[in-house]
């Protein structure tokens, strides 16, 4: 058994979690873009705007997790008056 095998077995899984979120988020964004193009072609503006907003939220959670979380915490604190 090599030292690399032991090191990999003792990782916390945080890197794997980050990788899975990145891949899943990118797949979700690709689906949103494809569906948005369809809504644009059919001139369904409400659905298109909804997909764009959803895409922005997903991109925020995938690529800037801590910043997005802090933003939502601050918004909640303002609304809840905490």
C-alpha atoms as a PDB file:
ATOM      1  CA  UNK A   1       0.000   0.000   0.000  1.00  0.00           C
ATOM      2  CA  UNK A   2       1.398   3.385  -0.923  1.00  0.00           C
ATOM      3  CA  UNK A   3       1.228   6.557   1.116  1.00  0.00           C
ATOM      4  CA  UNK A   4      -1.037   8.191  -1.511  1.00  0.00           C
ATOM      5  CA  UNK A   5      -3.716   5.556  -1.006  1.00  0.00           C
ATOM      6  CA  UNK A   6      -3.778   6.145   2.730  1.00  0.00           C
ATOM      7  CA  UNK A   7      -3.922   9.924   2.264  1.00  0.00           C
ATOM      8  CA  UNK A   8      -6.851   9.692  -0.120  1.00  0.00           C
ATOM      9  CA  UNK A   9      -8.728   7.408   2.247  1.00  0.00           C
ATOM     10  CA  UNK A  10      -8.402   9.947   5.077  1.00  0.00           C
ATOM     11  CA  UNK A  11      -9.782  12.991   3.235  1.00  0.00           C
ATOM     12  CA  UNK A  12     -12.933  14.623   4.553  1.00  0.00           C
ATOM     13  CA  UNK A  13     -14.768  14.582   1.229  1.00  0.00           C
ATOM     14  CA  UNK A  14     -14.991  18.381   0.976  1.00  0.00           C
ATOM     15  CA  UNK A  15     -13.196  18.367  -2.369  1.00  0.00           C
ATOM     16  CA  UNK A  16     -15.577  15.740  -3.720  1.00  0.00           C
ATOM     17  CA  UNK A  17     -18.573  17.715  -2.474  1.00  0.00           C
ATOM     18  CA  UNK A  18     -17.271  20.862  -4.176  1.00  0.00           C
ATOM     19  CA  UNK A  19     -16.654  18.951  -7.401  1.00  0.00           C
ATOM     20  CA  UNK A  20     -20.135  17.383  -7.383  1.00  0.00           C
ATOM     21  CA  UNK A  21     -21.808  20.758  -6.737  1.00  0.00           C
ATOM     22  CA  UNK A  22     -19.801  22.330  -9.545  1.00  0.00           C
ATOM     23  CA  UNK A  23     -20.695  19.608 -12.058  1.00  0.00           C
ATOM     24  CA  UNK A  24     -24.371  19.456 -11.023  1.00  0.00           C
ATOM     25  CA  UNK A  25     -24.655  23.242 -11.085  1.00  0.00           C
ATOM     26  CA  UNK A  26     -23.111  23.458 -14.535  1.00  0.00           C
ATOM     27  CA  UNK A  27     -25.477  20.778 -15.871  1.00  0.00           C
ATOM     28  CA  UNK A  28     -28.436  22.645 -14.369  1.00  0.00           C
ATOM     29  CA  UNK A  29     -27.245  25.921 -15.923  1.00  0.00           C
ATOM     30  CA  UNK A  30     -26.888  24.255 -19.337  1.00  0.00           C
ATOM     31  CA  UNK A  31     -30.470  22.962 -19.081  1.00  0.00           C
ATOM     32  CA  UNK A  32     -31.671  26.449 -18.111  1.00  0.00           C
ATOM     33  CA  UNK A  33     -29.872  28.023 -21.082  1.00  0.00           C
ATOM     34  CA  UNK A  34     -31.350  25.521 -23.541  1.00  0.00           C
ATOM     35  CA  UNK A  35     -34.855  26.031 -22.161  1.00  0.00           C
ATOM     36  CA  UNK A  36     -34.356  29.810 -22.141  1.00  0.00           C
ATOM     37  CA  UNK A  37     -33.481  29.758 -25.830  1.00  0.00           C
ATOM     38  CA  UNK A  38     -36.731  27.886 -26.472  1.00  0.00           C
ATOM     39  CA  UNK A  39     -38.727  30.446 -24.488  1.00  0.00           C
ATOM     40  CA  UNK A  40     -37.013  33.277 -26.363  1.00  0.00           C
ATOM     41  CA  UNK A  41     -37.826  31.671 -29.715  1.00  0.00           C
ATOM     42  CA  UNK A  42     -41.499  31.319 -28.712  1.00  0.00           C
ATOM     43  CA  UNK A  43     -41.500  34.857 -27.285  1.00  0.00           C
ATOM     44  CA  UNK A  44     -42.555  33.617 -23.839  1.00  0.00           C
ATOM     45  CA  UNK A  45     -41.055  36.520 -21.932  1.00  0.00           C
ATOM     46  CA  UNK A  46     -42.302  35.621 -18.444  1.00  0.00           C
ATOM     47  CA  UNK A  47     -40.761  32.145 -18.554  1.00  0.00           C
ATOM     48  CA  UNK A  48     -37.565  33.557 -20.036  1.00  0.00           C
ATOM     49  CA  UNK A  49     -37.197  36.065 -17.198  1.00  0.00           C
ATOM     50  CA  UNK A  50     -37.893  33.313 -14.654  1.00  0.00           C
ATOM     51  CA  UNK A  51     -35.180  31.123 -16.178  1.00  0.00           C
ATOM     52  CA  UNK A  52     -32.680  34.005 -16.189  1.00  0.00           C
ATOM     53  CA  UNK A  53     -33.351  34.775 -12.512  1.00  0.00           C
ATOM     54  CA  UNK A  54     -33.079  31.087 -11.612  1.00  0.00           C
ATOM     55  CA  UNK A  55     -29.826  30.850 -13.559  1.00  0.00           C
ATOM     56  CA  UNK A  56     -28.378  33.796 -11.679  1.00  0.00           C
ATOM     57  CA  UNK A  57     -29.302  32.236  -8.325  1.00  0.00           C
ATOM     58  CA  UNK A  58     -27.874  28.839  -9.271  1.00  0.00           C
ATOM     59  CA  UNK A  59     -24.674  30.420 -10.593  1.00  0.00           C
ATOM     60  CA  UNK A  60     -24.337  32.351  -7.342  1.00  0.00           C
ATOM     61  CA  UNK A  61     -24.675  29.203  -5.239  1.00  0.00           C
ATOM     62  CA  UNK A  62     -22.318  27.187  -7.466  1.00  0.00           C
ATOM     63  CA  UNK A  63     -19.542  29.694  -8.082  1.00  0.00           C
ATOM     64  CA  UNK A  64     -19.733  31.983  -5.010  1.00  0.00           C
ATOM     65  CA  UNK A  65     -21.252  29.848  -2.276  1.00  0.00           C
ATOM     66  CA  UNK A  66     -20.138  31.818   0.784  1.00  0.00           C
ATOM     67  CA  UNK A  67     -20.896  35.215  -0.735  1.00  0.00           C
ATOM     68  CA  UNK A  68     -24.377  34.140  -1.800  1.00  0.00           C
ATOM     69  CA  UNK A  69     -25.097  32.574   1.594  1.00  0.00           C
ATOM     70  CA  UNK A  70     -23.983  35.741   3.387  1.00  0.00           C
ATOM     71  CA  UNK A  71     -26.170  37.841   1.076  1.00  0.00           C
ATOM     72  CA  UNK A  72     -29.259  35.759   1.895  1.00  0.00           C
ATOM     73  CA  UNK A  73     -28.458  35.900   5.619  1.00  0.00           C
ATOM     74  CA  UNK A  74     -28.225  39.698   5.442  1.00  0.00           C
ATOM     75  CA  UNK A  75     -31.508  39.911   3.495  1.00  0.00           C
ATOM     76  CA  UNK A  76     -33.212  37.670   6.068  1.00  0.00           C
ATOM     77  CA  UNK A  77     -31.836  39.786   8.910  1.00  0.00           C
ATOM     78  CA  UNK A  78     -33.197  42.955   7.276  1.00  0.00           C
ATOM     79  CA  UNK A  79     -36.638  41.430   6.638  1.00  0.00           C
ATOM     80  CA  UNK A  80     -36.915  39.694  10.012  1.00  0.00           C
ATOM     81  CA  UNK A  81     -35.549  42.677  11.881  1.00  0.00           C
ATOM     82  CA  UNK A  82     -32.963  40.571  13.682  1.00  0.00           C
END
